[in-house]
Amino acid sequence: MKGQAVIHSESPLIDLGEGVTRRILAYNEQIMAVEVAFRQGARGAVHTHPHTQMSYVLSGRFSYSIEGEETLLGPGDSIVVPSGLPHGTLCLEEGILLDVFTPMREDFLPAK
């Protein structure tokens, strides 16, 4: 299988509502990169999924919660969420997260 290049400007921006947008970047069956932008005060509601997730803060400031334990994150910081643990975030200062999932999030793909 050849690699995959994703041109940022050609990847659709998905409005999730309430100040959050998502852009799917490169992915295959084993891994997926997703850019998630938050306005100040926006939340990524507490949720769980079977994927391991790593979030890297590209910009802004976030209060990130895993199983109710809060961690403050800023540019250059990262966090790993093991499969199945409840987690969410509150955006303290407008910013962007780079989320990486393994395996890829099929539920993020448009229905065919």
C-alpha atoms as a PDB file:
ATOM      1  CA  MET A   1       0.000   0.000   0.000  1.00  0.00           C
ATOM      2  CA  LYS A   2       1.256   3.437  -0.888  1.00  0.00           C
ATOM      3  CA  GLY A   3       1.238   6.285   1.602  1.00  0.00           C
ATOM      4  CA  GLN A   4      -1.498   8.889   1.798  1.00  0.00           C
ATOM      5  CA  ALA A   5      -1.067  12.648   1.496  1.00  0.00           C
ATOM      6  CA  VAL A   6      -3.841  14.931   2.713  1.00  0.00           C
ATOM      7  CA  ILE A   7      -3.879  18.544   1.559  1.00  0.00           C
ATOM      8  CA  HIS A   8      -5.213  20.571   4.500  1.00  0.00           C
ATOM      9  CA  SER A   9      -7.216  22.993   2.368  1.00  0.00           C
ATOM     10  CA  GLU A  10      -8.905  20.080   0.576  1.00  0.00           C
ATOM     11  CA  SER A  11      -9.975  18.253   3.734  1.00  0.00           C
ATOM     12  CA  PRO A  12     -13.505  19.323   4.723  1.00  0.00           C
ATOM     13  CA  LEU A  13     -14.067  21.180   7.975  1.00  0.00           C
ATOM     14  CA  ILE A  14     -16.892  19.583   9.961  1.00  0.00           C
ATOM     15  CA  ASP A  15     -18.845  21.849  12.316  1.00  0.00           C
ATOM     16  CA  LEU A  16     -19.681  19.850  15.439  1.00  0.00           C
ATOM     17  CA  GLY A  17     -21.582  22.795  16.963  1.00  0.00           C
ATOM     18  CA  GLU A  18     -21.066  24.740  20.173  1.00  0.00           C
ATOM     19  CA  GLY A  19     -17.695  26.143  19.091  1.00  0.00           C
ATOM     20  CA  VAL A  20     -15.987  22.934  17.966  1.00  0.00           C
ATOM     21  CA  THR A  21     -14.860  21.922  14.451  1.00  0.00           C
ATOM     22  CA  ARG A  22     -13.097  18.791  13.230  1.00  0.00           C
ATOM     23  CA  ARG A  23     -10.927  18.103  10.176  1.00  0.00           C
ATOM     24  CA  ILE A  24      -9.890  14.528   9.367  1.00  0.00           C
ATOM     25  CA  LEU A  25      -6.280  14.325   8.275  1.00  0.00           C
ATOM     26  CA  ALA A  26      -4.347  11.268   7.064  1.00  0.00           C
ATOM     27  CA  TYR A  27      -5.456   7.823   8.162  1.00  0.00           C
ATOM     28  CA  ASN A  28      -5.473   4.124   7.413  1.00  0.00           C
ATOM     29  CA  GLU A  29      -6.992   1.167   9.267  1.00  0.00           C
ATOM     30  CA  GLN A  30      -4.421   1.332  12.074  1.00  0.00           C
ATOM     31  CA  ILE A  31      -4.162   5.091  12.780  1.00  0.00           C
ATOM     32  CA  MET A  32      -5.979   8.396  12.226  1.00  0.00           C
ATOM     33  CA  ALA A  33      -4.972  12.031  12.757  1.00  0.00           C
ATOM     34  CA  VAL A  34      -7.708  14.596  13.395  1.00  0.00           C
ATOM     35  CA  GLU A  35      -7.463  18.363  13.922  1.00  0.00           C
ATOM     36  CA  VAL A  36     -10.044  19.664  16.409  1.00  0.00           C
ATOM     37  CA  ALA A  37     -10.483  23.437  16.875  1.00  0.00           C
ATOM     38  CA  PHE A  38     -12.195  24.924  19.930  1.00  0.00           C
ATOM     39  CA  ARG A  39     -13.451  28.398  20.736  1.00  0.00           C
ATOM     40  CA  GLN A  40     -12.811  29.566  24.285  1.00  0.00           C
ATOM     41  CA  GLY A  41     -15.340  27.942  26.607  1.00  0.00           C
ATOM     42  CA  ALA A  42     -16.182  25.120  24.199  1.00  0.00           C
ATOM     43  CA  ARG A  43     -16.245  21.590  25.555  1.00  0.00           C
ATOM     44  CA  GLY A  44     -15.402  18.169  24.305  1.00  0.00           C
ATOM     45  CA  ALA A  45     -18.027  16.327  26.370  1.00  0.00           C
ATOM     46  CA  VAL A  46     -16.920  13.430  28.557  1.00  0.00           C
ATOM     47  CA  HIS A  47     -17.142  10.246  26.517  1.00  0.00           C
ATOM     48  CA  THR A  48     -15.494   6.856  25.997  1.00  0.00           C
ATOM     49  CA  HIS A  49     -14.462   4.843  22.948  1.00  0.00           C
ATOM     50  CA  PRO A  50     -12.455   1.675  22.300  1.00  0.00           C
ATOM     51  CA  HIS A  51      -9.608   3.571  20.595  1.00  0.00           C
ATOM     52  CA  THR A  52      -6.371   4.666  22.249  1.00  0.00           C
ATOM     53  CA  GLN A  53      -6.113   8.453  21.798  1.00  0.00           C
ATOM     54  CA  MET A  54      -3.220  10.859  21.998  1.00  0.00           C
ATOM     55  CA  SER A  55      -3.957  14.607  22.037  1.00  0.00           C
ATOM     56  CA  TYR A  56      -1.261  17.167  21.226  1.00  0.00           C
ATOM     57  CA  VAL A  57      -1.945  20.857  21.851  1.00  0.00           C
ATOM     58  CA  LEU A  58      -1.058  22.878  18.757  1.00  0.00           C
ATOM     59  CA  SER A  59      -2.376  26.129  20.255  1.00  0.00           C
ATOM     60  CA  GLY A  60      -4.536  27.384  23.103  1.00  0.00           C
ATOM     61  CA  ARG A  61      -5.039  26.096  26.639  1.00  0.00           C
ATOM     62  CA  PHE A  62      -7.187  23.181  27.766  1.00  0.00           C
ATOM     63  CA  SER A  63      -8.360  21.550  30.974  1.00  0.00           C
ATOM     64  CA  TYR A  64      -8.288  17.886  30.023  1.00  0.00           C
ATOM     65  CA  SER A  65     -10.060  15.292  32.157  1.00  0.00           C
ATOM     66  CA  ILE A  66      -9.408  11.539  32.257  1.00  0.00           C
ATOM     67  CA  GLU A  67     -11.588   9.594  34.706  1.00  0.00           C
ATOM     68  CA  GLY A  68     -12.310  12.887  36.508  1.00  0.00           C
ATOM     69  CA  GLU A  69      -8.635  13.798  36.990  1.00  0.00           C
ATOM     70  CA  GLU A  70      -7.950  17.261  35.514  1.00  0.00           C
ATOM     71  CA  THR A  71      -4.712  18.198  33.750  1.00  0.00           C
ATOM     72  CA  LEU A  72      -3.948  21.677  32.368  1.00  0.00           C
ATOM     73  CA  LEU A  73      -2.377  21.575  28.901  1.00  0.00           C
ATOM     74  CA  GLY A  74      -0.856  24.284  26.710  1.00  0.00           C
ATOM     75  CA  PRO A  75       1.014  24.486  23.402  1.00  0.00           C
ATOM     76  CA  GLY A  76       3.422  21.577  22.959  1.00  0.00           C
ATOM     77  CA  ASP A  77       1.821  19.475  25.720  1.00  0.00           C
ATOM     78  CA  SER A  78       0.326  16.059  25.025  1.00  0.00           C
ATOM     79  CA  ILE A  79      -1.704  13.404  26.801  1.00  0.00           C
ATOM     80  CA  VAL A  80      -2.596   9.760  26.124  1.00  0.00           C
ATOM     81  CA  VAL A  81      -6.030   8.331  26.857  1.00  0.00           C
ATOM     82  CA  PRO A  82      -6.105   4.539  27.115  1.00  0.00           C
ATOM     83  CA  SER A  83      -8.969   2.668  25.466  1.00  0.00           C
ATOM     84  CA  GLY A  84     -12.296   2.836  27.297  1.00  0.00           C
ATOM     85  CA  LEU A  85     -11.533   5.568  29.861  1.00  0.00           C
ATOM     86  CA  PRO A  86     -13.988   8.476  30.290  1.00  0.00           C
ATOM     87  CA  HIS A  87     -12.378  11.698  29.091  1.00  0.00           C
ATOM     88  CA  GLY A  88     -13.231  15.203  27.891  1.00  0.00           C
ATOM     89  CA  THR A  89     -11.866  18.730  27.679  1.00  0.00           C
ATOM     90  CA  LEU A  90     -12.749  22.354  28.364  1.00  0.00           C
ATOM     91  CA  CYS A  91     -11.073  24.976  26.183  1.00  0.00           C
ATOM     92  CA  LEU A  92      -9.698  27.725  28.425  1.00  0.00           C
ATOM     93  CA  GLU A  93      -8.125  29.729  25.582  1.00  0.00           C
ATOM     94  CA  GLU A  94      -9.132  29.281  21.915  1.00  0.00           C
ATOM     95  CA  GLY A  95      -6.994  26.597  20.356  1.00  0.00           C
ATOM     96  CA  ILE A  96      -6.436  23.477  18.307  1.00  0.00           C
ATOM     97  CA  LEU A  97      -5.756  19.879  19.310  1.00  0.00           C
ATOM     98  CA  LEU A  98      -4.185  17.244  17.097  1.00  0.00           C
ATOM     99  CA  ASP A  99      -5.854  13.974  18.081  1.00  0.00           C
ATOM    100  CA  VAL A 100      -4.363  10.665  16.979  1.00  0.00           C
ATOM    101  CA  PHE A 101      -6.392   7.459  17.295  1.00  0.00           C
ATOM    102  CA  THR A 102      -5.470   3.818  17.009  1.00  0.00           C
ATOM    103  CA  PRO A 103      -7.136   2.053  15.418  1.00  0.00           C
ATOM    104  CA  MET A 104      -8.725   4.671  13.159  1.00  0.00           C
ATOM    105  CA  ARG A 105     -12.167   6.112  14.015  1.00  0.00           C
ATOM    106  CA  GLU A 106     -14.513   4.635  11.423  1.00  0.00           C
ATOM    107  CA  ASP A 107     -17.360   6.562  13.073  1.00  0.00           C
ATOM    108  CA  PHE A 108     -15.693   9.838  11.985  1.00  0.00           C
ATOM    109  CA  LEU A 109     -15.880   8.928   8.285  1.00  0.00           C
ATOM    110  CA  PRO A 110     -18.820  10.103   6.177  1.00  0.00           C
ATOM    111  CA  ALA A 111     -21.445   7.459   5.484  1.00  0.00           C
ATOM    112  CA  LYS A 112     -21.015   5.845   2.091  1.00  0.00           C
END
